[in-house]
Amino acid sequence: MNAKLSAGLLVTVLLVTGCGGSGGGSDSATPKVGLITKTETNPFFVKMKEGAQKAAQAGGMELMSAAGKFDGDNAAQITAIENMVAAGVKGILITPSDTKAIVPAIKKARDAGVLVIALDTPTEPQEATDALFATDNLKAGELIGRYAKAAMAGEPARIATLDLAPGITVGKLRHDGFLKGFGIREGDPSVVCSQDTRGDQAKGQTAMENCLQKAPDINLVYTINEPAALGAYTALKAKGREKEVLIVSVDGGCTGVRAVQSGQIAATSQQYPLKMAEDGVKAVAAYAKGGQKPTGYTDTGVTLITDKAADGIEAEDAAFGLANCWG
């Protein structure tokens, strides 16, 4: 990348021409909307961008999109916000990499009259943005925790949690939800190992290997997402324990749902990034046309996906998951 871009910023600008109107995508009369994701390569954000493109075309708006090179690239997101405000966007949709450090840049954008909506990951505080369109990540974790409790069928649990990273709201919400759904609290002795993975498959494998060294009798693994779950599965298979350990996760990407179908993962809570972005762009379009700003939290839905039903737990099967997955 050009060395002049700060903090290794990887920015892609996509101009989407509206279905109506006489001008091209660069027409100054065409309202602009910005989308800033954590990365461009994660299938979750690829699907989110797809949803934004679709809604922008339908709403006659230009879409500007930007992303950092890695999850946590806060400097890139700050620069993207500044560039978008300078370009005259009516609204910015953002999945914040650092939920606290991004807040001052968001405040400057809002002070300049730009509508800012968080997608997927709330800022800290949540009120730092005008609105939030996201999965209820606490509920997603709770669903998978309730499923795990039922699937264990009374067997004493020896739990490993493969989490995201410190300071990222979505990871904490899912973790806390899992504990709540399982019926335990932080510090419960049944949780014998907790490791951070940043949602990465290789890091998930290493984390699981570390946990197995610490507690070889682990029989339940909760993971922040399915890449981490597949990493855990690889580590367990290397020890010949893949059929003895229940793995549950959150996300609902196509690769993850196929892993549910194959039995590598017992269940996952599926979320819907395309809907988050579509709804966000529609809100910006309405605001640009003189409508009111959206406020508060809009739940974009979550569904438990499994082919191994557990008593009393409402779920859909992997076929449903594949019909609604991303990636």
C-alpha atoms as a PDB file:
ATOM      1  CA  MET A   1       0.000   0.000   0.000  1.00  0.00           C
ATOM      2  CA  ASN A   2       0.994   3.664  -0.403  1.00  0.00           C
ATOM      3  CA  ALA A   3       3.169   4.599   2.550  1.00  0.00           C
ATOM      4  CA  LYS A   4       1.250   7.872   2.892  1.00  0.00           C
ATOM      5  CA  LEU A   5      -1.771   6.007   4.192  1.00  0.00           C
ATOM      6  CA  SER A   6      -1.659   6.104   7.975  1.00  0.00           C
ATOM      7  CA  ALA A   7      -1.378   2.967  10.086  1.00  0.00           C
ATOM      8  CA  GLY A   8      -1.317   0.715   7.057  1.00  0.00           C
ATOM      9  CA  LEU A   9      -4.804   1.815   6.076  1.00  0.00           C
ATOM     10  CA  LEU A  10      -6.428  -0.365   3.480  1.00  0.00           C
ATOM     11  CA  VAL A  11      -9.245   1.672   1.972  1.00  0.00           C
ATOM     12  CA  THR A  12     -11.437   0.746  -0.927  1.00  0.00           C
ATOM     13  CA  VAL A  13     -13.855   3.292  -2.281  1.00  0.00           C
ATOM     14  CA  LEU A  14     -16.780   1.909  -4.207  1.00  0.00           C
ATOM     15  CA  LEU A  15     -19.176   4.234  -6.002  1.00  0.00           C
ATOM     16  CA  VAL A  16     -22.588   2.705  -6.509  1.00  0.00           C
ATOM     17  CA  THR A  17     -24.847   4.404  -9.052  1.00  0.00           C
ATOM     18  CA  GLY A  18     -28.467   4.689  -8.044  1.00  0.00           C
ATOM     19  CA  CYS A  19     -31.152   2.912 -10.023  1.00  0.00           C
ATOM     20  CA  GLY A  20     -32.897   6.236 -10.715  1.00  0.00           C
ATOM     21  CA  GLY A  21     -31.620   9.710 -11.484  1.00  0.00           C
ATOM     22  CA  SER A  22     -29.864  11.173 -14.488  1.00  0.00           C
ATOM     23  CA  GLY A  23     -26.348  11.480 -13.149  1.00  0.00           C
ATOM     24  CA  GLY A  24     -23.531   8.986 -12.633  1.00  0.00           C
ATOM     25  CA  GLY A  25     -22.185   7.731  -9.322  1.00  0.00           C
ATOM     26  CA  SER A  26     -20.028  10.843  -8.882  1.00  0.00           C
ATOM     27  CA  ASP A  27     -22.969  13.279  -9.219  1.00  0.00           C
ATOM     28  CA  SER A  28     -22.661  15.755  -6.330  1.00  0.00           C
ATOM     29  CA  ALA A  29     -26.458  15.704  -5.949  1.00  0.00           C
ATOM     30  CA  THR A  30     -26.375  12.007  -5.134  1.00  0.00           C
ATOM     31  CA  PRO A  31     -26.276  11.464  -1.367  1.00  0.00           C
ATOM     32  CA  LYS A  32     -23.326   9.462  -0.101  1.00  0.00           C
ATOM     33  CA  VAL A  33     -23.191   6.804   2.617  1.00  0.00           C
ATOM     34  CA  GLY A  34     -20.035   5.344   4.114  1.00  0.00           C
ATOM     35  CA  LEU A  35     -19.364   1.797   5.295  1.00  0.00           C
ATOM     36  CA  ILE A  36     -16.316   1.115   7.485  1.00  0.00           C
ATOM     37  CA  THR A  37     -15.635  -2.497   8.439  1.00  0.00           C
ATOM     38  CA  LYS A  38     -12.884  -4.074  10.505  1.00  0.00           C
ATOM     39  CA  THR A  39     -11.350  -5.894   7.522  1.00  0.00           C
ATOM     40  CA  GLU A  40     -12.186  -6.575   3.881  1.00  0.00           C
ATOM     41  CA  THR A  41     -11.275 -10.262   3.875  1.00  0.00           C
ATOM     42  CA  ASN A  42     -13.539 -11.639   6.610  1.00  0.00           C
ATOM     43  CA  PRO A  43     -16.592 -13.211   4.869  1.00  0.00           C
ATOM     44  CA  PHE A  44     -18.837 -11.582   7.490  1.00  0.00           C
ATOM     45  CA  PHE A  45     -17.786  -8.127   6.311  1.00  0.00           C
ATOM     46  CA  VAL A  46     -17.857  -9.186   2.655  1.00  0.00           C
ATOM     47  CA  LYS A  47     -21.529 -10.051   3.127  1.00  0.00           C
ATOM     48  CA  MET A  48     -22.097  -6.810   5.017  1.00  0.00           C
ATOM     49  CA  LYS A  49     -20.648  -4.845   2.100  1.00  0.00           C
ATOM     50  CA  GLU A  50     -22.881  -6.795  -0.276  1.00  0.00           C
ATOM     51  CA  GLY A  51     -25.921  -5.741   1.740  1.00  0.00           C
ATOM     52  CA  ALA A  52     -24.789  -2.119   1.741  1.00  0.00           C
ATOM     53  CA  GLN A  53     -24.242  -2.165  -2.026  1.00  0.00           C
ATOM     54  CA  LYS A  54     -27.695  -3.615  -2.630  1.00  0.00           C
ATOM     55  CA  ALA A  55     -29.423  -1.066  -0.407  1.00  0.00           C
ATOM     56  CA  ALA A  56     -27.410   1.852  -1.803  1.00  0.00           C
ATOM     57  CA  GLN A  57     -28.380   0.936  -5.360  1.00  0.00           C
ATOM     58  CA  ALA A  58     -32.022   0.625  -4.375  1.00  0.00           C
ATOM     59  CA  GLY A  59     -31.921   3.959  -2.531  1.00  0.00           C
ATOM     60  CA  GLY A  60     -30.104   5.955  -5.214  1.00  0.00           C
ATOM     61  CA  MET A  61     -27.009   6.561  -3.099  1.00  0.00           C
ATOM     62  CA  GLU A  62     -23.244   6.405  -3.548  1.00  0.00           C
ATOM     63  CA  LEU A  63     -21.460   3.932  -1.284  1.00  0.00           C
ATOM     64  CA  MET A  64     -17.977   4.669   0.031  1.00  0.00           C
ATOM     65  CA  SER A  65     -16.392   1.693   1.767  1.00  0.00           C
ATOM     66  CA  ALA A  66     -13.238   1.372   3.819  1.00  0.00           C
ATOM     67  CA  ALA A  67     -11.547  -1.244   5.973  1.00  0.00           C
ATOM     68  CA  GLY A  68      -8.363  -1.805   7.934  1.00  0.00           C
ATOM     69  CA  LYS A  69      -5.764  -4.457   7.242  1.00  0.00           C
ATOM     70  CA  PHE A  70      -6.540  -6.288  10.478  1.00  0.00           C
ATOM     71  CA  ASP A  71      -9.120  -6.515  13.234  1.00  0.00           C
ATOM     72  CA  GLY A  72      -8.136  -3.801  15.696  1.00  0.00           C
ATOM     73  CA  ASP A  73      -6.813  -1.290  13.149  1.00  0.00           C
ATOM     74  CA  ASN A  74      -8.331   1.738  14.895  1.00  0.00           C
ATOM     75  CA  ALA A  75      -6.088   4.277  13.151  1.00  0.00           C
ATOM     76  CA  ALA A  76      -7.387   3.117   9.782  1.00  0.00           C
ATOM     77  CA  GLN A  77     -10.977   3.575  10.888  1.00  0.00           C
ATOM     78  CA  ILE A  78     -10.289   7.081  12.194  1.00  0.00           C
ATOM     79  CA  THR A  79      -8.750   8.074   8.864  1.00  0.00           C
ATOM     80  CA  ALA A  80     -11.686   6.538   7.005  1.00  0.00           C
ATOM     81  CA  ILE A  81     -14.159   8.562   9.078  1.00  0.00           C
ATOM     82  CA  GLU A  82     -12.236  11.766   8.370  1.00  0.00           C
ATOM     83  CA  ASN A  83     -12.089  11.003   4.627  1.00  0.00           C
ATOM     84  CA  MET A  84     -15.798  10.253   4.468  1.00  0.00           C
ATOM     85  CA  VAL A  85     -16.795  13.396   6.363  1.00  0.00           C
ATOM     86  CA  ALA A  86     -14.610  15.436   3.994  1.00  0.00           C
ATOM     87  CA  ALA A  87     -16.340  13.732   1.041  1.00  0.00           C
ATOM     88  CA  GLY A  88     -19.728  14.891   2.324  1.00  0.00           C
ATOM     89  CA  VAL A  89     -21.372  11.646   3.360  1.00  0.00           C
ATOM     90  CA  LYS A  90     -24.798  11.890   4.949  1.00  0.00           C
ATOM     91  CA  GLY A  91     -24.147   8.908   7.180  1.00  0.00           C
ATOM     92  CA  ILE A  92     -21.468   6.417   8.194  1.00  0.00           C
ATOM     93  CA  LEU A  93     -22.011   2.773   9.098  1.00  0.00           C
ATOM     94  CA  ILE A  94     -19.156   1.358  11.150  1.00  0.00           C
ATOM     95  CA  THR A  95     -18.136  -1.895  12.823  1.00  0.00           C
ATOM     96  CA  PRO A  96     -15.724  -0.423  15.369  1.00  0.00           C
ATOM     97  CA  SER A  97     -12.420  -2.240  15.828  1.00  0.00           C
ATOM     98  CA  ASP A  98     -11.691  -0.495  19.122  1.00  0.00           C
ATOM     99  CA  THR A  99     -15.017   0.299  20.718  1.00  0.00           C
ATOM    100  CA  LYS A 100     -13.603   2.996  23.029  1.00  0.00           C
ATOM    101  CA  ALA A 101     -10.757   4.565  21.050  1.00  0.00           C
ATOM    102  CA  ILE A 102     -12.960   5.272  18.027  1.00  0.00           C
ATOM    103  CA  VAL A 103     -15.423   7.389  20.028  1.00  0.00           C
ATOM    104  CA  PRO A 104     -13.705  10.814  19.667  1.00  0.00           C
ATOM    105  CA  ALA A 105     -13.582  10.441  15.863  1.00  0.00           C
ATOM    106  CA  ILE A 106     -17.257   9.473  15.807  1.00  0.00           C
ATOM    107  CA  LYS A 107     -18.097  12.524  17.923  1.00  0.00           C
ATOM    108  CA  LYS A 108     -16.362  14.820  15.421  1.00  0.00           C
ATOM    109  CA  ALA A 109     -18.369  13.256  12.596  1.00  0.00           C
ATOM    110  CA  ARG A 110     -21.649  13.672  14.453  1.00  0.00           C
ATOM    111  CA  ASP A 111     -20.763  17.246  15.380  1.00  0.00           C
ATOM    112  CA  ALA A 112     -20.347  17.848  11.646  1.00  0.00           C
ATOM    113  CA  GLY A 113     -23.917  16.672  11.075  1.00  0.00           C
ATOM    114  CA  VAL A 114     -23.124  13.147   9.895  1.00  0.00           C
ATOM    115  CA  LEU A 115     -25.399  10.311  11.039  1.00  0.00           C
ATOM    116  CA  VAL A 116     -23.290   7.503  12.537  1.00  0.00           C
ATOM    117  CA  ILE A 117     -24.687   3.994  12.965  1.00  0.00           C
ATOM    118  CA  ALA A 118     -22.746   1.117  14.526  1.00  0.00           C
ATOM    119  CA  LEU A 119     -23.194  -2.274  12.882  1.00  0.00           C
ATOM    120  CA  ASP A 120     -22.618  -5.586  14.706  1.00  0.00           C
ATOM    121  CA  THR A 121     -20.409  -4.137  17.466  1.00  0.00           C
ATOM    122  CA  PRO A 122     -21.607  -1.385  19.821  1.00  0.00           C
ATOM    123  CA  THR A 123     -19.275   1.400  20.838  1.00  0.00           C
ATOM    124  CA  GLU A 124     -18.465   2.076  24.486  1.00  0.00           C
ATOM    125  CA  PRO A 125     -20.666   3.805  25.439  1.00  0.00           C
ATOM    126  CA  GLN A 126     -23.309   2.606  23.010  1.00  0.00           C
ATOM    127  CA  GLU A 127     -24.735   6.143  22.925  1.00  0.00           C
ATOM    128  CA  ALA A 128     -21.581   7.372  21.155  1.00  0.00           C
ATOM    129  CA  THR A 129     -23.352   6.520  17.883  1.00  0.00           C
ATOM    130  CA  ASP A 130     -26.806   7.654  16.819  1.00  0.00           C
ATOM    131  CA  ALA A 131     -28.013   4.057  16.547  1.00  0.00           C
ATOM    132  CA  LEU A 132     -26.954   0.405  16.590  1.00  0.00           C
ATOM    133  CA  PHE A 133     -28.059  -2.283  14.112  1.00  0.00           C
ATOM    134  CA  ALA A 134     -26.746  -5.614  15.370  1.00  0.00           C
ATOM    135  CA  THR A 135     -27.233  -9.110  16.591  1.00  0.00           C
ATOM    136  CA  ASP A 136     -28.130  -9.316  20.249  1.00  0.00           C
ATOM    137  CA  ASN A 137     -24.761 -10.890  21.042  1.00  0.00           C
ATOM    138  CA  LEU A 138     -25.721 -11.573  24.647  1.00  0.00           C
ATOM    139  CA  LYS A 139     -28.742 -13.500  23.373  1.00  0.00           C
ATOM    140  CA  ALA A 140     -26.591 -15.319  20.782  1.00  0.00           C
ATOM    141  CA  GLY A 141     -24.268 -16.490  23.538  1.00  0.00           C
ATOM    142  CA  GLU A 142     -27.178 -17.355  25.787  1.00  0.00           C
ATOM    143  CA  LEU A 143     -28.823 -19.496  23.089  1.00  0.00           C
ATOM    144  CA  ILE A 144     -25.658 -21.524  22.581  1.00  0.00           C
ATOM    145  CA  GLY A 145     -25.118 -21.813  26.332  1.00  0.00           C
ATOM    146  CA  ARG A 146     -28.641 -23.162  26.863  1.00  0.00           C
ATOM    147  CA  TYR A 147     -28.106 -25.629  24.047  1.00  0.00           C
ATOM    148  CA  ALA A 148     -24.787 -26.795  25.510  1.00  0.00           C
ATOM    149  CA  LYS A 149     -26.357 -27.298  28.934  1.00  0.00           C
ATOM    150  CA  ALA A 150     -29.152 -29.400  27.445  1.00  0.00           C
ATOM    151  CA  ALA A 151     -26.811 -31.369  25.200  1.00  0.00           C
ATOM    152  CA  MET A 152     -24.530 -32.270  28.121  1.00  0.00           C
ATOM    153  CA  ALA A 153     -27.569 -34.022  29.639  1.00  0.00           C
ATOM    154  CA  GLY A 154     -26.369 -33.757  33.206  1.00  0.00           C
ATOM    155  CA  GLU A 155     -22.754 -34.783  32.567  1.00  0.00           C
ATOM    156  CA  PRO A 156     -20.372 -32.670  34.685  1.00  0.00           C
ATOM    157  CA  ALA A 157     -18.857 -30.035  32.439  1.00  0.00           C
ATOM    158  CA  ARG A 158     -15.181 -29.261  32.022  1.00  0.00           C
ATOM    159  CA  ILE A 159     -15.358 -26.140  29.879  1.00  0.00           C
ATOM    160  CA  ALA A 160     -12.858 -24.294  27.706  1.00  0.00           C
ATOM    161  CA  THR A 161     -13.869 -20.853  26.425  1.00  0.00           C
ATOM    162  CA  LEU A 162     -12.012 -19.668  23.334  1.00  0.00           C
ATOM    163  CA  ASP A 163     -12.790 -15.960  23.371  1.00  0.00           C
ATOM    164  CA  LEU A 164     -12.069 -12.939  21.188  1.00  0.00           C
ATOM    165  CA  ALA A 165      -9.762 -10.372  22.831  1.00  0.00           C
ATOM    166  CA  PRO A 166      -9.838  -7.969  25.771  1.00  0.00           C
ATOM    167  CA  GLY A 167     -11.834  -4.781  25.309  1.00  0.00           C
ATOM    168  CA  ILE A 168     -14.008  -5.888  22.379  1.00  0.00           C
ATOM    169  CA  THR A 169     -17.667  -5.652  23.328  1.00  0.00           C
ATOM    170  CA  VAL A 170     -18.990  -8.339  21.013  1.00  0.00           C
ATOM    171  CA  GLY A 171     -16.634 -10.937  22.490  1.00  0.00           C
ATOM    172  CA  LYS A 172     -17.550 -10.106  26.075  1.00  0.00           C
ATOM    173  CA  LEU A 173     -21.279 -10.162  25.322  1.00  0.00           C
ATOM    174  CA  ARG A 174     -21.102 -13.588  23.683  1.00  0.00           C
ATOM    175  CA  HIS A 175     -18.924 -14.972  26.478  1.00  0.00           C
ATOM    176  CA  ASP A 176     -21.199 -13.606  29.193  1.00  0.00           C
ATOM    177  CA  GLY A 177     -24.258 -14.873  27.327  1.00  0.00           C
ATOM    178  CA  PHE A 178     -22.810 -18.364  27.092  1.00  0.00           C
ATOM    179  CA  LEU A 179     -22.172 -18.451  30.839  1.00  0.00           C
ATOM    180  CA  LYS A 180     -25.697 -17.159  31.519  1.00  0.00           C
ATOM    181  CA  GLY A 181     -27.285 -19.697  29.193  1.00  0.00           C
ATOM    182  CA  PHE A 182     -25.288 -22.514  30.741  1.00  0.00           C
ATOM    183  CA  GLY A 183     -26.344 -21.359  34.193  1.00  0.00           C
ATOM    184  CA  ILE A 184     -22.967 -20.419  35.636  1.00  0.00           C
ATOM    185  CA  ARG A 185     -21.099 -17.214  36.476  1.00  0.00           C
ATOM    186  CA  GLU A 186     -17.633 -15.885  35.748  1.00  0.00           C
ATOM    187  CA  GLY A 187     -15.120 -17.742  37.908  1.00  0.00           C
ATOM    188  CA  ASP A 188     -17.169 -20.939  38.095  1.00  0.00           C
ATOM    189  CA  PRO A 189     -14.804 -23.910  38.585  1.00  0.00           C
ATOM    190  CA  SER A 190     -16.362 -25.776  35.654  1.00  0.00           C
ATOM    191  CA  VAL A 191     -14.555 -23.325  33.343  1.00  0.00           C
ATOM    192  CA  VAL A 192     -11.096 -24.864  33.425  1.00  0.00           C
ATOM    193  CA  CYS A 193      -9.454 -22.820  30.675  1.00  0.00           C
ATOM    194  CA  SER A 194     -10.033 -19.511  28.870  1.00  0.00           C
ATOM    195  CA  GLN A 195      -7.912 -18.281  25.973  1.00  0.00           C
ATOM    196  CA  ASP A 196      -8.168 -15.415  23.476  1.00  0.00           C
ATOM    197  CA  THR A 197      -8.155 -16.268  19.758  1.00  0.00           C
ATOM    198  CA  ARG A 198      -9.120 -13.042  17.943  1.00  0.00           C
ATOM    199  CA  GLY A 199     -11.544 -15.274  16.080  1.00  0.00           C
ATOM    200  CA  ASP A 200      -8.686 -16.790  14.068  1.00  0.00           C
ATOM    201  CA  GLN A 201      -8.528 -20.491  13.169  1.00  0.00           C
ATOM    202  CA  ALA A 202      -4.786 -20.918  13.740  1.00  0.00           C
ATOM    203  CA  LYS A 203      -4.983 -19.055  17.049  1.00  0.00           C
ATOM    204  CA  GLY A 204      -8.006 -21.175  17.968  1.00  0.00           C
ATOM    205  CA  GLN A 205      -5.987 -24.328  17.400  1.00  0.00           C
ATOM    206  CA  THR A 206      -3.109 -23.032  19.521  1.00  0.00           C
ATOM    207  CA  ALA A 207      -5.504 -21.958  22.271  1.00  0.00           C
ATOM    208  CA  MET A 208      -7.117 -25.393  22.313  1.00  0.00           C
ATOM    209  CA  GLU A 209      -3.717 -27.086  22.451  1.00  0.00           C
ATOM    210  CA  ASN A 210      -2.825 -24.890  25.445  1.00  0.00           C
ATOM    211  CA  CYS A 211      -6.113 -25.726  27.142  1.00  0.00           C
ATOM    212  CA  LEU A 212      -5.639 -29.468  26.609  1.00  0.00           C
ATOM    213  CA  GLN A 213      -2.232 -29.242  28.222  1.00  0.00           C
ATOM    214  CA  LYS A 214      -3.776 -27.501  31.194  1.00  0.00           C
ATOM    215  CA  ALA A 215      -6.904 -29.671  31.433  1.00  0.00           C
ATOM    216  CA  PRO A 216      -6.809 -32.837  29.282  1.00  0.00           C
ATOM    217  CA  ASP A 217     -10.316 -33.860  30.393  1.00  0.00           C
ATOM    218  CA  ILE A 218     -12.130 -30.894  28.770  1.00  0.00           C
ATOM    219  CA  ASN A 219     -15.472 -32.075  27.388  1.00  0.00           C
ATOM    220  CA  LEU A 220     -17.140 -28.816  26.272  1.00  0.00           C
ATOM    221  CA  VAL A 221     -15.690 -25.987  24.183  1.00  0.00           C
ATOM    222  CA  TYR A 222     -17.371 -22.621  23.598  1.00  0.00           C
ATOM    223  CA  THR A 223     -15.819 -20.496  20.859  1.00  0.00           C
ATOM    224  CA  ILE A 224     -16.309 -16.868  19.837  1.00  0.00           C
ATOM    225  CA  ASN A 225     -16.804 -17.881  16.203  1.00  0.00           C
ATOM    226  CA  GLU A 226     -16.555 -20.840  13.843  1.00  0.00           C
ATOM    227  CA  PRO A 227     -12.972 -20.299  12.628  1.00  0.00           C
ATOM    228  CA  ALA A 228     -11.890 -20.595  16.271  1.00  0.00           C
ATOM    229  CA  ALA A 229     -14.161 -23.644  16.593  1.00  0.00           C
ATOM    230  CA  LEU A 230     -12.542 -25.349  13.612  1.00  0.00           C
ATOM    231  CA  GLY A 231      -9.129 -24.617  15.083  1.00  0.00           C
ATOM    232  CA  ALA A 232     -10.271 -26.252  18.318  1.00  0.00           C
ATOM    233  CA  TYR A 233     -11.585 -29.242  16.380  1.00  0.00           C
ATOM    234  CA  THR A 234      -8.189 -29.685  14.672  1.00  0.00           C
ATOM    235  CA  ALA A 235      -6.405 -29.687  18.037  1.00  0.00           C
ATOM    236  CA  LEU A 236      -8.892 -32.153  19.504  1.00  0.00           C
ATOM    237  CA  LYS A 237      -8.630 -34.462  16.478  1.00  0.00           C
ATOM    238  CA  ALA A 238      -4.841 -34.523  16.843  1.00  0.00           C
ATOM    239  CA  LYS A 239      -5.411 -35.903  20.344  1.00  0.00           C
ATOM    240  CA  GLY A 240      -8.094 -38.354  19.182  1.00  0.00           C
ATOM    241  CA  ARG A 241     -10.736 -36.568  21.250  1.00  0.00           C
ATOM    242  CA  GLU A 242     -12.848 -34.877  18.575  1.00  0.00           C
ATOM    243  CA  LYS A 243     -15.799 -37.256  19.147  1.00  0.00           C
ATOM    244  CA  GLU A 244     -15.678 -36.875  22.924  1.00  0.00           C
ATOM    245  CA  VAL A 245     -15.878 -33.081  23.149  1.00  0.00           C
ATOM    246  CA  LEU A 246     -18.920 -30.914  22.408  1.00  0.00           C
ATOM    247  CA  ILE A 247     -18.032 -27.760  20.440  1.00  0.00           C
ATOM    248  CA  VAL A 248     -20.492 -24.855  20.244  1.00  0.00           C
ATOM    249  CA  SER A 249     -20.038 -21.482  18.596  1.00  0.00           C
ATOM    250  CA  VAL A 250     -21.550 -18.227  17.324  1.00  0.00           C
ATOM    251  CA  ASP A 251     -21.676 -16.601  13.863  1.00  0.00           C
ATOM    252  CA  GLY A 252     -23.464 -18.733  11.260  1.00  0.00           C
ATOM    253  CA  GLY A 253     -21.120 -18.332   8.304  1.00  0.00           C
ATOM    254  CA  CYS A 254     -21.442 -20.908   5.527  1.00  0.00           C
ATOM    255  CA  THR A 255     -18.209 -22.665   6.480  1.00  0.00           C
ATOM    256  CA  GLY A 256     -19.410 -22.883  10.061  1.00  0.00           C
ATOM    257  CA  VAL A 257     -22.834 -24.215   9.113  1.00  0.00           C
ATOM    258  CA  ARG A 258     -21.193 -26.872   6.935  1.00  0.00           C
ATOM    259  CA  ALA A 259     -19.128 -27.812   9.991  1.00  0.00           C
ATOM    260  CA  VAL A 260     -22.389 -28.213  11.909  1.00  0.00           C
ATOM    261  CA  GLN A 261     -23.709 -30.404   9.091  1.00  0.00           C
ATOM    262  CA  SER A 262     -20.582 -32.579   9.187  1.00  0.00           C
ATOM    263  CA  GLY A 263     -20.657 -32.875  12.975  1.00  0.00           C
ATOM    264  CA  GLN A 264     -17.430 -30.988  13.671  1.00  0.00           C
ATOM    265  CA  ILE A 265     -19.431 -28.323  15.511  1.00  0.00           C
ATOM    266  CA  ALA A 266     -22.544 -29.335  17.436  1.00  0.00           C
ATOM    267  CA  ALA A 267     -24.377 -26.016  17.100  1.00  0.00           C
ATOM    268  CA  THR A 268     -23.946 -22.336  16.330  1.00  0.00           C
ATOM    269  CA  SER A 269     -25.945 -19.141  16.780  1.00  0.00           C
ATOM    270  CA  GLN A 270     -26.451 -17.588  13.342  1.00  0.00           C
ATOM    271  CA  GLN A 271     -26.429 -13.834  12.770  1.00  0.00           C
ATOM    272  CA  TYR A 272     -27.237 -11.808   9.655  1.00  0.00           C
ATOM    273  CA  PRO A 273     -24.661  -9.202   8.536  1.00  0.00           C
ATOM    274  CA  LEU A 274     -26.353  -8.486   5.197  1.00  0.00           C
ATOM    275  CA  LYS A 275     -29.501  -7.370   7.013  1.00  0.00           C
ATOM    276  CA  MET A 276     -27.489  -5.136   9.357  1.00  0.00           C
ATOM    277  CA  ALA A 277     -25.983  -3.241   6.442  1.00  0.00           C
ATOM    278  CA  GLU A 278     -29.179  -3.097   4.380  1.00  0.00           C
ATOM    279  CA  ASP A 279     -31.145  -1.683   7.291  1.00  0.00           C
ATOM    280  CA  GLY A 280     -28.358   0.779   8.084  1.00  0.00           C
ATOM    281  CA  VAL A 281     -28.181   2.145   4.544  1.00  0.00           C
ATOM    282  CA  LYS A 282     -31.977   2.464   4.407  1.00  0.00           C
ATOM    283  CA  ALA A 283     -31.862   4.499   7.627  1.00  0.00           C
ATOM    284  CA  VAL A 284     -29.208   6.825   6.183  1.00  0.00           C
ATOM    285  CA  ALA A 285     -31.231   7.202   2.965  1.00  0.00           C
ATOM    286  CA  ALA A 286     -34.318   8.173   4.941  1.00  0.00           C
ATOM    287  CA  TYR A 287     -32.291  10.685   6.960  1.00  0.00           C
ATOM    288  CA  ALA A 288     -30.766  12.164   3.778  1.00  0.00           C
ATOM    289  CA  LYS A 289     -34.253  12.722   2.384  1.00  0.00           C
ATOM    290  CA  GLY A 290     -35.261  14.748   5.417  1.00  0.00           C
ATOM    291  CA  GLY A 291     -36.353  11.974   7.705  1.00  0.00           C
ATOM    292  CA  GLN A 292     -35.602  11.615  11.376  1.00  0.00           C
ATOM    293  CA  LYS A 293     -32.403  10.093  12.683  1.00  0.00           C
ATOM    294  CA  PRO A 294     -32.727   6.499  13.886  1.00  0.00           C
ATOM    295  CA  THR A 295     -32.044   6.038  17.585  1.00  0.00           C
ATOM    296  CA  GLY A 296     -31.326   3.217  19.999  1.00  0.00           C
ATOM    297  CA  TYR A 297     -30.829  -0.447  19.209  1.00  0.00           C
ATOM    298  CA  THR A 298     -32.335  -2.485  16.374  1.00  0.00           C
ATOM    299  CA  ASP A 299     -32.046  -6.264  16.775  1.00  0.00           C
ATOM    300  CA  THR A 300     -31.260  -7.882  13.399  1.00  0.00           C
ATOM    301  CA  GLY A 301     -31.959 -11.406  14.654  1.00  0.00           C
ATOM    302  CA  VAL A 302     -30.221 -14.621  15.685  1.00  0.00           C
ATOM    303  CA  THR A 303     -31.128 -18.297  15.172  1.00  0.00           C
ATOM    304  CA  LEU A 304     -29.719 -21.429  16.779  1.00  0.00           C
ATOM    305  CA  ILE A 305     -28.517 -23.867  14.085  1.00  0.00           C
ATOM    306  CA  THR A 306     -27.969 -27.571  14.820  1.00  0.00           C
ATOM    307  CA  ASP A 307     -28.631 -31.020  13.404  1.00  0.00           C
ATOM    308  CA  LYS A 308     -28.440 -32.528  16.896  1.00  0.00           C
ATOM    309  CA  ALA A 309     -31.611 -31.350  18.577  1.00  0.00           C
ATOM    310  CA  ALA A 310     -31.613 -30.871  22.352  1.00  0.00           C
ATOM    311  CA  ASP A 311     -34.755 -31.176  24.461  1.00  0.00           C
ATOM    312  CA  GLY A 312     -36.543 -27.889  25.042  1.00  0.00           C
ATOM    313  CA  ILE A 313     -34.217 -25.833  22.808  1.00  0.00           C
ATOM    314  CA  GLU A 314     -35.757 -24.153  19.756  1.00  0.00           C
ATOM    315  CA  ALA A 315     -33.517 -24.414  16.715  1.00  0.00           C
ATOM    316  CA  GLU A 316     -33.345 -24.706  12.934  1.00  0.00           C
ATOM    317  CA  ASP A 317     -31.356 -27.345  11.072  1.00  0.00           C
ATOM    318  CA  ALA A 318     -28.234 -26.924   8.940  1.00  0.00           C
ATOM    319  CA  ALA A 319     -30.315 -26.795   5.758  1.00  0.00           C
ATOM    320  CA  PHE A 320     -31.952 -23.609   7.059  1.00  0.00           C
ATOM    321  CA  GLY A 321     -28.543 -22.328   8.113  1.00  0.00           C
ATOM    322  CA  LEU A 322     -27.054 -22.899   4.642  1.00  0.00           C
ATOM    323  CA  ALA A 323     -29.976 -21.094   3.028  1.00  0.00           C
ATOM    324  CA  ASN A 324     -29.291 -18.044   5.213  1.00  0.00           C
ATOM    325  CA  CYS A 325     -25.531 -18.105   5.752  1.00  0.00           C
ATOM    326  CA  TRP A 326     -22.779 -15.802   4.522  1.00  0.00           C
ATOM    327  CA  GLY A 327     -19.286 -16.349   3.235  1.00  0.00           C
END
